[in-house]
Amino acid sequence: MFINSGLNKFFNYMPMPKDLPESMIKLMGALMAISWLMPLIGVAEIIGGVLFIIPKFRALGAIIIFPVLIGVLLTNIIYLPSGLPIALILLAIELWVIIENRENICQ
């Protein structure tokens, strides 16, 4: 999911939904006005997603994706509550992976 989202930030192959609230459209416009921010998030999503797939580097991928996921969660809480169930499921998976790999992280 994160690899796909990161690639979309570079290639824009997924259209924006037509029924987004005005506040969400303004937020996306503000984020895109910072020219380096979306490519940085895209790179973090791609690298974190690829590392998450590889068992040896799963903890590192989870740590890289964590700040992006917190941003997704806060955005869904504030602007788009309909996406909150998916964000909470992703957060639960993320926390599970971090807890399961805490020995590797805390060395």
C-alpha atoms as a PDB file:
ATOM      1  CA  MET A   1       0.000   0.000   0.000  1.00  0.00           C
ATOM      2  CA  PHE A   2       2.784   2.438   0.854  1.00  0.00           C
ATOM      3  CA  ILE A   3       4.828   1.571  -2.228  1.00  0.00           C
ATOM      4  CA  ASN A   4       1.781   2.284  -4.395  1.00  0.00           C
ATOM      5  CA  SER A   5       1.109   5.562  -2.595  1.00  0.00           C
ATOM      6  CA  GLY A   6       4.751   6.624  -2.928  1.00  0.00           C
ATOM      7  CA  LEU A   7       4.854   5.820  -6.639  1.00  0.00           C
ATOM      8  CA  ASN A   8       1.640   7.777  -7.146  1.00  0.00           C
ATOM      9  CA  LYS A   9       3.345  10.888  -5.766  1.00  0.00           C
ATOM     10  CA  PHE A  10       5.754  10.732  -8.708  1.00  0.00           C
ATOM     11  CA  PHE A  11       3.567   9.402 -11.536  1.00  0.00           C
ATOM     12  CA  ASN A  12       0.035  10.586 -10.551  1.00  0.00           C
ATOM     13  CA  TYR A  13      -1.764   7.538 -11.939  1.00  0.00           C
ATOM     14  CA  MET A  14      -4.536   7.474  -9.305  1.00  0.00           C
ATOM     15  CA  PRO A  15      -7.095  10.272  -9.713  1.00  0.00           C
ATOM     16  CA  MET A  16      -8.189  12.313  -6.721  1.00  0.00           C
ATOM     17  CA  PRO A  17     -11.717  11.473  -5.541  1.00  0.00           C
ATOM     18  CA  LYS A  18     -14.337  13.972  -6.720  1.00  0.00           C
ATOM     19  CA  ASP A  19     -16.176  14.104  -3.381  1.00  0.00           C
ATOM     20  CA  LEU A  20     -13.340  15.415  -1.175  1.00  0.00           C
ATOM     21  CA  PRO A  21     -14.316  18.070   1.369  1.00  0.00           C
ATOM     22  CA  GLU A  22     -13.147  21.620   0.651  1.00  0.00           C
ATOM     23  CA  SER A  23     -10.875  21.569   3.717  1.00  0.00           C
ATOM     24  CA  MET A  24      -9.077  18.487   2.378  1.00  0.00           C
ATOM     25  CA  ILE A  25      -8.590  20.106  -1.026  1.00  0.00           C
ATOM     26  CA  LYS A  26      -7.083  23.168   0.667  1.00  0.00           C
ATOM     27  CA  LEU A  27      -4.785  20.967   2.740  1.00  0.00           C
ATOM     28  CA  MET A  28      -3.548  19.070  -0.317  1.00  0.00           C
ATOM     29  CA  GLY A  29      -2.973  22.366  -2.139  1.00  0.00           C
ATOM     30  CA  ALA A  30      -0.913  23.668   0.782  1.00  0.00           C
ATOM     31  CA  LEU A  31       1.157  20.480   0.934  1.00  0.00           C
ATOM     32  CA  MET A  32       1.795  20.572  -2.807  1.00  0.00           C
ATOM     33  CA  ALA A  33       2.860  24.228  -2.583  1.00  0.00           C
ATOM     34  CA  ILE A  34       5.930  23.032  -0.663  1.00  0.00           C
ATOM     35  CA  SER A  35       7.653  21.601  -3.711  1.00  0.00           C
ATOM     36  CA  TRP A  36      10.021  19.223  -1.888  1.00  0.00           C
ATOM     37  CA  LEU A  37       7.561  17.780   0.637  1.00  0.00           C
ATOM     38  CA  MET A  38       5.514  15.342  -1.481  1.00  0.00           C
ATOM     39  CA  PRO A  39       8.588  13.833  -3.207  1.00  0.00           C
ATOM     40  CA  LEU A  40      10.193  13.360   0.234  1.00  0.00           C
ATOM     41  CA  ILE A  41       7.083  11.600   1.548  1.00  0.00           C
ATOM     42  CA  GLY A  42       6.936   9.508  -1.634  1.00  0.00           C
ATOM     43  CA  VAL A  43      10.558   8.382  -1.254  1.00  0.00           C
ATOM     44  CA  ALA A  44       9.961   7.520   2.421  1.00  0.00           C
ATOM     45  CA  GLU A  45       6.868   5.494   1.485  1.00  0.00           C
ATOM     46  CA  ILE A  46       8.646   3.586  -1.270  1.00  0.00           C
ATOM     47  CA  ILE A  47      11.786   2.829   0.755  1.00  0.00           C
ATOM     48  CA  GLY A  48       9.808   1.997   3.898  1.00  0.00           C
ATOM     49  CA  GLY A  49       7.397  -0.209   1.940  1.00  0.00           C
ATOM     50  CA  VAL A  50      10.187  -2.154   0.230  1.00  0.00           C
ATOM     51  CA  LEU A  51      12.055  -2.636   3.519  1.00  0.00           C
ATOM     52  CA  PHE A  52       8.796  -3.697   5.210  1.00  0.00           C
ATOM     53  CA  ILE A  53       8.475  -6.566   2.717  1.00  0.00           C
ATOM     54  CA  ILE A  54      11.964  -7.935   3.468  1.00  0.00           C
ATOM     55  CA  PRO A  55      11.831  -9.800   6.821  1.00  0.00           C
ATOM     56  CA  LYS A  56      15.394  -8.873   7.835  1.00  0.00           C
ATOM     57  CA  PHE A  57      14.679  -5.145   7.367  1.00  0.00           C
ATOM     58  CA  ARG A  58      10.985  -5.094   8.400  1.00  0.00           C
ATOM     59  CA  ALA A  59      11.660  -3.150  11.620  1.00  0.00           C
ATOM     60  CA  LEU A  60      13.589  -0.463   9.751  1.00  0.00           C
ATOM     61  CA  GLY A  61      10.802  -0.181   7.176  1.00  0.00           C
ATOM     62  CA  ALA A  62       8.250   0.156   9.966  1.00  0.00           C
ATOM     63  CA  ILE A  63      10.255   2.951  11.589  1.00  0.00           C
ATOM     64  CA  ILE A  64      10.577   4.805   8.267  1.00  0.00           C
ATOM     65  CA  ILE A  65       6.842   4.497   7.558  1.00  0.00           C
ATOM     66  CA  PHE A  66       5.729   5.422  11.110  1.00  0.00           C
ATOM     67  CA  PRO A  67       5.865   9.260  10.772  1.00  0.00           C
ATOM     68  CA  VAL A  68       4.054   9.068   7.418  1.00  0.00           C
ATOM     69  CA  LEU A  69       1.379   6.870   8.981  1.00  0.00           C
ATOM     70  CA  ILE A  70       0.907   9.309  11.876  1.00  0.00           C
ATOM     71  CA  GLY A  71       0.335  12.058   9.293  1.00  0.00           C
ATOM     72  CA  VAL A  72      -2.198   9.862   7.491  1.00  0.00           C
ATOM     73  CA  LEU A  73      -3.959   9.106  10.775  1.00  0.00           C
ATOM     74  CA  LEU A  74      -4.143  12.773  11.844  1.00  0.00           C
ATOM     75  CA  THR A  75      -5.345  13.834   8.400  1.00  0.00           C
ATOM     76  CA  ASN A  76      -8.118  11.247   8.556  1.00  0.00           C
ATOM     77  CA  ILE A  77      -9.101  12.257  12.094  1.00  0.00           C
ATOM     78  CA  ILE A  78      -9.267  15.976  11.266  1.00  0.00           C
ATOM     79  CA  TYR A  79     -10.311  16.190   7.609  1.00  0.00           C
ATOM     80  CA  LEU A  80     -11.616  12.861   6.316  1.00  0.00           C
ATOM     81  CA  PRO A  81     -13.067  10.593   9.033  1.00  0.00           C
ATOM     82  CA  SER A  82     -14.359   8.129   6.436  1.00  0.00           C
ATOM     83  CA  GLY A  83     -10.782   6.896   5.893  1.00  0.00           C
ATOM     84  CA  LEU A  84     -10.165   6.376   9.603  1.00  0.00           C
ATOM     85  CA  PRO A  85     -10.857   2.597   9.713  1.00  0.00           C
ATOM     86  CA  ILE A  86      -8.140   1.864   7.135  1.00  0.00           C
ATOM     87  CA  ALA A  87      -5.697   4.223   8.879  1.00  0.00           C
ATOM     88  CA  LEU A  88      -6.347   2.501  12.225  1.00  0.00           C
ATOM     89  CA  ILE A  89      -5.819  -0.947  10.703  1.00  0.00           C
ATOM     90  CA  LEU A  90      -2.513   0.197   9.183  1.00  0.00           C
ATOM     91  CA  LEU A  91      -1.489   1.708  12.532  1.00  0.00           C
ATOM     92  CA  ALA A  92      -2.302  -1.567  14.319  1.00  0.00           C
ATOM     93  CA  ILE A  93      -0.178  -3.535  11.826  1.00  0.00           C
ATOM     94  CA  GLU A  94       2.626  -1.005  12.163  1.00  0.00           C
ATOM     95  CA  LEU A  95       2.615  -1.118  15.968  1.00  0.00           C
ATOM     96  CA  TRP A  96       2.474  -4.919  15.919  1.00  0.00           C
ATOM     97  CA  VAL A  97       5.564  -5.089  13.690  1.00  0.00           C
ATOM     98  CA  ILE A  98       7.439  -2.572  15.853  1.00  0.00           C
ATOM     99  CA  ILE A  99       6.549  -4.444  19.065  1.00  0.00           C
ATOM    100  CA  GLU A 100       7.462  -7.825  17.539  1.00  0.00           C
ATOM    101  CA  ASN A 101      10.845  -6.454  16.444  1.00  0.00           C
ATOM    102  CA  ARG A 102      11.641  -4.355  19.510  1.00  0.00           C
ATOM    103  CA  GLU A 103      14.744  -6.448  20.236  1.00  0.00           C
ATOM    104  CA  ASN A 104      16.191  -5.473  16.850  1.00  0.00           C
ATOM    105  CA  ILE A 105      15.248  -1.822  17.289  1.00  0.00           C
ATOM    106  CA  CYS A 106      16.542  -1.308  20.835  1.00  0.00           C
ATOM    107  CA  GLN A 107      20.005  -2.816  20.431  1.00  0.00           C
END
